[in-house]
Amino acid sequence: MHTPTPADGFAWVTGASSGIGEYVALALAAEGWTVLASARRVDALQDVAAKASGPGRIIPLPLDVTDLQGVRAAVAGAVATHGPMALAILNAGTYKPDGARGLDAGDFARTVDINLMGTVNCLDALLPGMIGRGKGHIVIVSSVAGYRGLPRSLSYGATKAALINMAESLKMDVERYGLKTQLVCPGFIKTPLTDKNDFPMPFLMPVEKAAARLVAALKGDGFQITFPRRFTWGLLLLRRLPDALYFLLARRTLR
């Protein structure tokens, strides 16, 4: 499967105004990519673009991933201006701790709209072009929270589990067209989203290091990219445990 390079077209990164998305965009620009960076906040995207160094560049492409028509128009305009999209890193997401007490259907729906349907909207906009060219690289950013149910993660965990399943299905469907698909499942990364957590976060990784790991793994053939390994391997093991043992360990260690 062909891994695109900057010579094949531009890279698109969503959720690029902060966190992993910001630092992935910067790392790609340093490798020579023209990066179309998307988020809702224009001023934040401009700040990210100003930090770019190296042979590449970052161009703000403001949009709301929950607006399907807006995403379609933005992608069509980007392709018309900058040529083909070679790499798409679909990273936009939100997180709000939630549990049974105080469950709010509106907040839950908002998380689904951003994390899951936002990714679907982006795929809707980019897949026809990549399939038509017979080349392209799609990266879906999920989370280890999608491996199994975790405390206080009703909506977030549900959307991340859906993304894992969707990425697996997508890989099998689009590889016949020559497209490469990868799935990213980070553990705890120090970002504005995790800064709101009031519970222990084992092996918390600096966002710059996480972005470097992600970008380096894009060149490989592996489907799933996880980090930090000491934490994510433990959760992968929990994923394979019988239900009774999993719930016992989860209650004791993941509160």
C-alpha atoms as a PDB file:
ATOM      1  CA  MET A   1       0.000   0.000   0.000  1.00  0.00           C
ATOM      2  CA  HIS A   2       1.420   3.363  -1.063  1.00  0.00           C
ATOM      3  CA  THR A   3       2.214   5.812   1.740  1.00  0.00           C
ATOM      4  CA  PRO A   4       1.754   9.352   0.388  1.00  0.00           C
ATOM      5  CA  THR A   5       4.486  11.964   0.607  1.00  0.00           C
ATOM      6  CA  PRO A   6       4.299  15.770   0.306  1.00  0.00           C
ATOM      7  CA  ALA A   7       4.813  15.374  -3.444  1.00  0.00           C
ATOM      8  CA  ASP A   8       1.447  13.592  -3.711  1.00  0.00           C
ATOM      9  CA  GLY A   9      -0.674  16.474  -2.437  1.00  0.00           C
ATOM     10  CA  PHE A  10      -1.631  18.259   0.758  1.00  0.00           C
ATOM     11  CA  ALA A  11      -2.386  16.969   4.255  1.00  0.00           C
ATOM     12  CA  TRP A  12      -5.594  17.805   6.100  1.00  0.00           C
ATOM     13  CA  VAL A  13      -5.689  17.800   9.895  1.00  0.00           C
ATOM     14  CA  THR A  14      -8.913  18.390  11.818  1.00  0.00           C
ATOM     15  CA  GLY A  15      -8.990  19.465  15.439  1.00  0.00           C
ATOM     16  CA  ALA A  16      -5.793  21.350  14.664  1.00  0.00           C
ATOM     17  CA  SER A  17      -6.238  24.412  16.880  1.00  0.00           C
ATOM     18  CA  SER A  18      -4.790  22.726  19.986  1.00  0.00           C
ATOM     19  CA  GLY A  19      -3.644  19.442  21.470  1.00  0.00           C
ATOM     20  CA  ILE A  20      -2.465  16.540  19.333  1.00  0.00           C
ATOM     21  CA  GLY A  21      -3.914  18.068  16.168  1.00  0.00           C
ATOM     22  CA  GLU A  22      -1.868  21.241  16.540  1.00  0.00           C
ATOM     23  CA  TYR A  23       1.412  19.418  17.087  1.00  0.00           C
ATOM     24  CA  VAL A  24       0.753  16.878  14.342  1.00  0.00           C
ATOM     25  CA  ALA A  25       0.174  19.759  11.916  1.00  0.00           C
ATOM     26  CA  LEU A  26       3.444  21.375  13.009  1.00  0.00           C
ATOM     27  CA  ALA A  27       5.354  18.093  12.682  1.00  0.00           C
ATOM     28  CA  LEU A  28       3.978  17.476   9.196  1.00  0.00           C
ATOM     29  CA  ALA A  29       4.897  21.000   8.088  1.00  0.00           C
ATOM     30  CA  ALA A  30       8.419  20.405   9.381  1.00  0.00           C
ATOM     31  CA  GLU A  31       8.584  17.355   7.095  1.00  0.00           C
ATOM     32  CA  GLY A  32       7.637  19.418   4.061  1.00  0.00           C
ATOM     33  CA  TRP A  33       3.871  19.001   3.919  1.00  0.00           C
ATOM     34  CA  THR A  34       1.423  21.713   3.001  1.00  0.00           C
ATOM     35  CA  VAL A  35      -1.049  21.248   5.842  1.00  0.00           C
ATOM     36  CA  LEU A  36      -4.648  22.433   5.724  1.00  0.00           C
ATOM     37  CA  ALA A  37      -5.464  22.885   9.412  1.00  0.00           C
ATOM     38  CA  SER A  38      -9.115  22.829  10.451  1.00  0.00           C
ATOM     39  CA  ALA A  39     -11.032  23.796  13.573  1.00  0.00           C
ATOM     40  CA  ARG A  40     -13.741  26.314  14.406  1.00  0.00           C
ATOM     41  CA  ARG A  41     -11.490  28.990  15.934  1.00  0.00           C
ATOM     42  CA  VAL A  42      -9.894  31.050  13.175  1.00  0.00           C
ATOM     43  CA  ASP A  43      -7.613  32.975  15.531  1.00  0.00           C
ATOM     44  CA  ALA A  44      -6.243  29.772  17.048  1.00  0.00           C
ATOM     45  CA  LEU A  45      -5.575  28.307  13.600  1.00  0.00           C
ATOM     46  CA  GLN A  46      -3.718  31.460  12.610  1.00  0.00           C
ATOM     47  CA  ASP A  47      -1.566  31.133  15.735  1.00  0.00           C
ATOM     48  CA  VAL A  48      -0.741  27.529  14.819  1.00  0.00           C
ATOM     49  CA  ALA A  49       0.109  28.524  11.246  1.00  0.00           C
ATOM     50  CA  ALA A  50       2.478  31.196  12.531  1.00  0.00           C
ATOM     51  CA  LYS A  51       4.448  28.554  14.469  1.00  0.00           C
ATOM     52  CA  ALA A  52       5.155  26.413  11.392  1.00  0.00           C
ATOM     53  CA  SER A  53       8.796  25.919  10.484  1.00  0.00           C
ATOM     54  CA  GLY A  54      10.688  23.898   7.940  1.00  0.00           C
ATOM     55  CA  PRO A  55      10.060  23.400   4.258  1.00  0.00           C
ATOM     56  CA  GLY A  56       6.286  22.991   4.624  1.00  0.00           C
ATOM     57  CA  ARG A  57       3.532  25.373   5.696  1.00  0.00           C
ATOM     58  CA  ILE A  58       0.206  25.426   7.528  1.00  0.00           C
ATOM     59  CA  ILE A  59      -2.851  27.033   5.956  1.00  0.00           C
ATOM     60  CA  PRO A  60      -5.934  27.633   8.138  1.00  0.00           C
ATOM     61  CA  LEU A  61      -9.106  25.984   6.833  1.00  0.00           C
ATOM     62  CA  PRO A  62     -11.725  26.936   9.430  1.00  0.00           C
ATOM     63  CA  LEU A  63     -14.839  24.777   9.606  1.00  0.00           C
ATOM     64  CA  ASP A  64     -17.232  23.009  11.964  1.00  0.00           C
ATOM     65  CA  VAL A  65     -17.070  19.241  11.472  1.00  0.00           C
ATOM     66  CA  THR A  66     -20.727  18.918  12.507  1.00  0.00           C
ATOM     67  CA  ASP A  67     -21.785  20.972   9.453  1.00  0.00           C
ATOM     68  CA  LEU A  68     -21.798  18.491   6.567  1.00  0.00           C
ATOM     69  CA  GLN A  69     -22.412  21.039   3.821  1.00  0.00           C
ATOM     70  CA  GLY A  70     -19.736  23.313   5.254  1.00  0.00           C
ATOM     71  CA  VAL A  71     -17.221  20.460   5.359  1.00  0.00           C
ATOM     72  CA  ARG A  72     -18.021  19.463   1.782  1.00  0.00           C
ATOM     73  CA  ALA A  73     -17.593  23.041   0.579  1.00  0.00           C
ATOM     74  CA  ALA A  74     -14.333  23.533   2.495  1.00  0.00           C
ATOM     75  CA  VAL A  75     -12.789  20.327   1.145  1.00  0.00           C
ATOM     76  CA  ALA A  76     -13.892  21.072  -2.416  1.00  0.00           C
ATOM     77  CA  GLY A  77     -12.405  24.559  -2.165  1.00  0.00           C
ATOM     78  CA  ALA A  78      -9.146  23.247  -0.719  1.00  0.00           C
ATOM     79  CA  VAL A  79      -8.752  20.697  -3.516  1.00  0.00           C
ATOM     80  CA  ALA A  80      -9.559  23.299  -6.163  1.00  0.00           C
ATOM     81  CA  THR A  81      -6.914  25.639  -4.739  1.00  0.00           C
ATOM     82  CA  HIS A  82      -4.174  23.315  -3.519  1.00  0.00           C
ATOM     83  CA  GLY A  83      -4.544  20.156  -5.584  1.00  0.00           C
ATOM     84  CA  PRO A  84      -5.285  16.625  -4.366  1.00  0.00           C
ATOM     85  CA  MET A  85      -5.628  15.639  -0.726  1.00  0.00           C
ATOM     86  CA  ALA A  86      -3.017  12.971  -0.060  1.00  0.00           C
ATOM     87  CA  LEU A  87      -3.333  12.584   3.712  1.00  0.00           C
ATOM     88  CA  ALA A  88      -6.263  13.154   6.077  1.00  0.00           C
ATOM     89  CA  ILE A  89      -5.865  12.991   9.848  1.00  0.00           C
ATOM     90  CA  LEU A  90      -9.367  13.100  11.322  1.00  0.00           C
ATOM     91  CA  ASN A  91      -8.712  14.176  14.874  1.00  0.00           C
ATOM     92  CA  ALA A  92     -11.506  16.599  15.835  1.00  0.00           C
ATOM     93  CA  GLY A  93     -13.168  15.624  19.090  1.00  0.00           C
ATOM     94  CA  THR A  94     -14.548  16.691  22.420  1.00  0.00           C
ATOM     95  CA  TYR A  95     -14.651  15.169  25.887  1.00  0.00           C
ATOM     96  CA  LYS A  96     -16.897  15.702  28.880  1.00  0.00           C
ATOM     97  CA  PRO A  97     -16.863  13.210  31.760  1.00  0.00           C
ATOM     98  CA  ASP A  98     -20.308  11.699  32.251  1.00  0.00           C
ATOM     99  CA  GLY A  99     -21.948   8.899  34.162  1.00  0.00           C
ATOM    100  CA  ALA A 100     -25.383   7.673  35.184  1.00  0.00           C
ATOM    101  CA  ARG A 101     -25.906  10.457  37.704  1.00  0.00           C
ATOM    102  CA  GLY A 102     -26.742  13.646  35.846  1.00  0.00           C
ATOM    103  CA  LEU A 103     -26.781  12.062  32.391  1.00  0.00           C
ATOM    104  CA  ASP A 104     -27.833  14.705  29.872  1.00  0.00           C
ATOM    105  CA  ALA A 105     -29.069  13.500  26.481  1.00  0.00           C
ATOM    106  CA  GLY A 106     -28.253  16.840  24.886  1.00  0.00           C
ATOM    107  CA  ASP A 107     -24.621  16.702  26.017  1.00  0.00           C
ATOM    108  CA  PHE A 108     -24.432  13.078  24.893  1.00  0.00           C
ATOM    109  CA  ALA A 109     -25.760  13.969  21.439  1.00  0.00           C
ATOM    110  CA  ARG A 110     -23.250  16.811  21.163  1.00  0.00           C
ATOM    111  CA  THR A 111     -20.383  14.399  21.817  1.00  0.00           C
ATOM    112  CA  VAL A 112     -21.747  12.017  19.181  1.00  0.00           C
ATOM    113  CA  ASP A 113     -22.139  14.866  16.685  1.00  0.00           C
ATOM    114  CA  ILE A 114     -18.518  15.976  17.062  1.00  0.00           C
ATOM    115  CA  ASN A 115     -16.597  12.761  17.703  1.00  0.00           C
ATOM    116  CA  LEU A 116     -18.492  10.335  15.484  1.00  0.00           C
ATOM    117  CA  MET A 117     -20.608  12.220  12.964  1.00  0.00           C
ATOM    118  CA  GLY A 118     -17.906  14.875  12.568  1.00  0.00           C
ATOM    119  CA  THR A 119     -15.556  12.143  11.380  1.00  0.00           C
ATOM    120  CA  VAL A 120     -18.261  10.705   9.118  1.00  0.00           C
ATOM    121  CA  ASN A 121     -18.843  14.153   7.600  1.00  0.00           C
ATOM    122  CA  CYS A 122     -15.140  14.460   6.814  1.00  0.00           C
ATOM    123  CA  LEU A 123     -15.079  11.013   5.219  1.00  0.00           C
ATOM    124  CA  ASP A 124     -18.124  11.942   3.145  1.00  0.00           C
ATOM    125  CA  ALA A 125     -16.217  14.926   1.777  1.00  0.00           C
ATOM    126  CA  LEU A 126     -12.846  13.291   1.096  1.00  0.00           C
ATOM    127  CA  LEU A 127     -13.553   9.721   0.017  1.00  0.00           C
ATOM    128  CA  PRO A 128     -14.853  10.404  -3.514  1.00  0.00           C
ATOM    129  CA  GLY A 129     -11.656  12.239  -4.460  1.00  0.00           C
ATOM    130  CA  MET A 130      -9.293   9.663  -2.958  1.00  0.00           C
ATOM    131  CA  ILE A 131     -11.187   6.718  -4.420  1.00  0.00           C
ATOM    132  CA  GLY A 132     -11.300   8.409  -7.805  1.00  0.00           C
ATOM    133  CA  ARG A 133      -7.506   8.876  -7.804  1.00  0.00           C
ATOM    134  CA  GLY A 134      -6.825   5.422  -6.403  1.00  0.00           C
ATOM    135  CA  LYS A 135      -4.508   6.785  -3.717  1.00  0.00           C
ATOM    136  CA  GLY A 136      -4.694   8.468  -0.342  1.00  0.00           C
ATOM    137  CA  HIS A 137      -4.053   7.936   3.361  1.00  0.00           C
ATOM    138  CA  ILE A 138      -6.813   8.205   5.985  1.00  0.00           C
ATOM    139  CA  VAL A 139      -6.007   8.350   9.702  1.00  0.00           C
ATOM    140  CA  ILE A 140      -8.836   8.157  12.240  1.00  0.00           C
ATOM    141  CA  VAL A 141      -8.008   9.276  15.776  1.00  0.00           C
ATOM    142  CA  SER A 142      -9.930   7.336  18.416  1.00  0.00           C
ATOM    143  CA  SER A 143      -8.810   6.511  21.978  1.00  0.00           C
ATOM    144  CA  VAL A 144      -8.063   3.596  24.273  1.00  0.00           C
ATOM    145  CA  ALA A 145     -11.340   4.650  25.932  1.00  0.00           C
ATOM    146  CA  GLY A 146     -12.995   2.824  23.045  1.00  0.00           C
ATOM    147  CA  TYR A 147     -11.493  -0.565  23.945  1.00  0.00           C
ATOM    148  CA  ARG A 148     -13.948  -1.303  26.767  1.00  0.00           C
ATOM    149  CA  GLY A 149     -16.368   0.650  28.928  1.00  0.00           C
ATOM    150  CA  LEU A 150     -14.633   2.910  31.445  1.00  0.00           C
ATOM    151  CA  PRO A 151     -16.054   4.787  34.435  1.00  0.00           C
ATOM    152  CA  ARG A 152     -17.402   8.305  33.721  1.00  0.00           C
ATOM    153  CA  SER A 153     -17.072   7.804  29.968  1.00  0.00           C
ATOM    154  CA  LEU A 154     -20.568   6.997  28.726  1.00  0.00           C
ATOM    155  CA  SER A 155     -20.634   9.271  25.678  1.00  0.00           C
ATOM    156  CA  TYR A 156     -16.909   9.636  24.997  1.00  0.00           C
ATOM    157  CA  GLY A 157     -16.207   5.913  25.241  1.00  0.00           C
ATOM    158  CA  ALA A 158     -19.202   5.064  23.070  1.00  0.00           C
ATOM    159  CA  THR A 159     -18.065   7.380  20.279  1.00  0.00           C
ATOM    160  CA  LYS A 160     -14.477   6.177  20.428  1.00  0.00           C
ATOM    161  CA  ALA A 161     -15.585   2.538  20.289  1.00  0.00           C
ATOM    162  CA  ALA A 162     -17.668   3.392  17.239  1.00  0.00           C
ATOM    163  CA  LEU A 163     -14.648   5.012  15.570  1.00  0.00           C
ATOM    164  CA  ILE A 164     -12.537   1.903  16.155  1.00  0.00           C
ATOM    165  CA  ASN A 165     -15.183  -0.308  14.578  1.00  0.00           C
ATOM    166  CA  MET A 166     -15.686   2.113  11.693  1.00  0.00           C
ATOM    167  CA  ALA A 167     -11.948   2.367  10.993  1.00  0.00           C
ATOM    168  CA  GLU A 168     -11.648  -1.423  10.839  1.00  0.00           C
ATOM    169  CA  SER A 169     -14.564  -1.629   8.418  1.00  0.00           C
ATOM    170  CA  LEU A 170     -13.233   1.275   6.354  1.00  0.00           C
ATOM    171  CA  LYS A 171      -9.802  -0.333   5.998  1.00  0.00           C
ATOM    172  CA  MET A 172     -11.277  -3.505   4.522  1.00  0.00           C
ATOM    173  CA  ASP A 173     -13.496  -1.518   2.169  1.00  0.00           C
ATOM    174  CA  VAL A 174     -11.070   1.060   0.764  1.00  0.00           C
ATOM    175  CA  GLU A 175      -7.873  -0.940   0.442  1.00  0.00           C
ATOM    176  CA  ARG A 176      -9.311  -2.383  -2.781  1.00  0.00           C
ATOM    177  CA  TYR A 177      -9.111   1.171  -4.165  1.00  0.00           C
ATOM    178  CA  GLY A 178      -5.487   1.620  -3.131  1.00  0.00           C
ATOM    179  CA  LEU A 179      -6.175   3.693  -0.010  1.00  0.00           C
ATOM    180  CA  LYS A 180      -4.257   3.298   3.231  1.00  0.00           C
ATOM    181  CA  THR A 181      -6.154   3.457   6.537  1.00  0.00           C
ATOM    182  CA  GLN A 182      -4.719   3.737  10.034  1.00  0.00           C
ATOM    183  CA  LEU A 183      -6.297   3.999  13.478  1.00  0.00           C
ATOM    184  CA  VAL A 184      -4.786   5.999  16.355  1.00  0.00           C
ATOM    185  CA  CYS A 185      -5.710   5.049  19.939  1.00  0.00           C
ATOM    186  CA  PRO A 186      -3.841   7.293  22.389  1.00  0.00           C
ATOM    187  CA  GLY A 187      -3.812   6.910  26.136  1.00  0.00           C
ATOM    188  CA  PHE A 188      -3.588   9.945  28.400  1.00  0.00           C
ATOM    189  CA  ILE A 189      -1.971  12.873  26.578  1.00  0.00           C
ATOM    190  CA  LYS A 190      -1.467  16.274  28.193  1.00  0.00           C
ATOM    191  CA  THR A 191      -3.877  18.503  26.259  1.00  0.00           C
ATOM    192  CA  PRO A 192      -6.599  21.039  27.094  1.00  0.00           C
ATOM    193  CA  LEU A 193      -9.092  18.134  27.100  1.00  0.00           C
ATOM    194  CA  THR A 194      -7.236  16.104  29.730  1.00  0.00           C
ATOM    195  CA  ASP A 195      -6.428  19.184  31.801  1.00  0.00           C
ATOM    196  CA  LYS A 196     -10.049  19.103  33.017  1.00  0.00           C
ATOM    197  CA  ASN A 197      -9.673  15.605  34.511  1.00  0.00           C
ATOM    198  CA  ASP A 198      -9.725  15.352  38.305  1.00  0.00           C
ATOM    199  CA  PHE A 199      -8.495  11.754  38.511  1.00  0.00           C
ATOM    200  CA  PRO A 200      -5.087  10.062  38.133  1.00  0.00           C
ATOM    201  CA  MET A 201      -3.858   9.683  34.541  1.00  0.00           C
ATOM    202  CA  PRO A 202      -1.191   6.941  34.408  1.00  0.00           C
ATOM    203  CA  PHE A 203       1.785   7.509  32.101  1.00  0.00           C
ATOM    204  CA  LEU A 204       0.542  10.947  30.998  1.00  0.00           C
ATOM    205  CA  MET A 205       2.496  11.773  27.827  1.00  0.00           C
ATOM    206  CA  PRO A 206       3.557  15.267  26.680  1.00  0.00           C
ATOM    207  CA  VAL A 207       1.602  16.269  23.604  1.00  0.00           C
ATOM    208  CA  GLU A 208       4.735  17.015  21.559  1.00  0.00           C
ATOM    209  CA  LYS A 209       6.016  13.473  22.125  1.00  0.00           C
ATOM    210  CA  ALA A 210       2.621  11.983  21.257  1.00  0.00           C
ATOM    211  CA  ALA A 211       2.468  13.922  17.992  1.00  0.00           C
ATOM    212  CA  ALA A 212       5.984  12.815  17.063  1.00  0.00           C
ATOM    213  CA  ARG A 213       5.041   9.175  17.700  1.00  0.00           C
ATOM    214  CA  LEU A 214       1.933   9.530  15.541  1.00  0.00           C
ATOM    215  CA  VAL A 215       3.699  11.164  12.608  1.00  0.00           C
ATOM    216  CA  ALA A 216       6.540   8.629  12.690  1.00  0.00           C
ATOM    217  CA  ALA A 217       4.039   5.749  12.639  1.00  0.00           C
ATOM    218  CA  LEU A 218       2.349   7.095   9.505  1.00  0.00           C
ATOM    219  CA  LYS A 219       5.271   5.763   7.477  1.00  0.00           C
ATOM    220  CA  GLY A 220       4.747   2.227   8.752  1.00  0.00           C
ATOM    221  CA  ASP A 221       2.405  -0.503   7.603  1.00  0.00           C
ATOM    222  CA  GLY A 222       0.727  -1.145  10.955  1.00  0.00           C
ATOM    223  CA  PHE A 223      -2.996  -0.470  11.190  1.00  0.00           C
ATOM    224  CA  GLN A 224      -3.290   0.589  14.825  1.00  0.00           C
ATOM    225  CA  ILE A 225      -1.049   3.207  16.435  1.00  0.00           C
ATOM    226  CA  THR A 226      -1.074   3.377  20.252  1.00  0.00           C
ATOM    227  CA  PHE A 227       0.896   5.321  22.845  1.00  0.00           C
ATOM    228  CA  PRO A 228       2.153   5.446  25.559  1.00  0.00           C
ATOM    229  CA  ARG A 229       2.761   1.730  25.175  1.00  0.00           C
ATOM    230  CA  ARG A 230       3.098   0.913  28.890  1.00  0.00           C
ATOM    231  CA  PHE A 231      -0.469   2.118  29.421  1.00  0.00           C
ATOM    232  CA  THR A 232      -2.143   1.082  26.181  1.00  0.00           C
ATOM    233  CA  TRP A 233      -0.823  -2.477  26.309  1.00  0.00           C
ATOM    234  CA  GLY A 234      -2.405  -2.858  29.741  1.00  0.00           C
ATOM    235  CA  LEU A 235      -5.763  -1.753  28.377  1.00  0.00           C
ATOM    236  CA  LEU A 236      -5.396  -4.072  25.391  1.00  0.00           C
ATOM    237  CA  LEU A 237      -4.963  -6.903  27.889  1.00  0.00           C
ATOM    238  CA  LEU A 238      -8.065  -5.804  29.798  1.00  0.00           C
ATOM    239  CA  ARG A 239      -9.947  -5.842  26.492  1.00  0.00           C
ATOM    240  CA  ARG A 240      -9.374  -9.589  26.251  1.00  0.00           C
ATOM    241  CA  LEU A 241     -10.392 -10.530  29.789  1.00  0.00           C
ATOM    242  CA  PRO A 242     -13.669 -12.300  30.582  1.00  0.00           C
ATOM    243  CA  ASP A 243     -16.382  -9.823  31.565  1.00  0.00           C
ATOM    244  CA  ALA A 244     -16.529 -10.784  35.250  1.00  0.00           C
ATOM    245  CA  LEU A 245     -12.780 -10.365  35.715  1.00  0.00           C
ATOM    246  CA  TYR A 246     -12.720  -7.143  33.692  1.00  0.00           C
ATOM    247  CA  PHE A 247     -15.453  -5.483  35.761  1.00  0.00           C
ATOM    248  CA  LEU A 248     -13.761  -6.557  38.994  1.00  0.00           C
ATOM    249  CA  LEU A 249     -10.425  -5.042  37.961  1.00  0.00           C
ATOM    250  CA  ALA A 250     -12.011  -1.946  36.427  1.00  0.00           C
ATOM    251  CA  ARG A 251     -13.926  -1.132  39.610  1.00  0.00           C
ATOM    252  CA  ARG A 252     -10.735  -1.404  41.632  1.00  0.00           C
ATOM    253  CA  THR A 253      -8.290   0.382  39.365  1.00  0.00           C
ATOM    254  CA  LEU A 254     -10.143   2.729  37.007  1.00  0.00           C
ATOM    255  CA  ARG A 255     -12.306   4.823  39.322  1.00  0.00           C
END
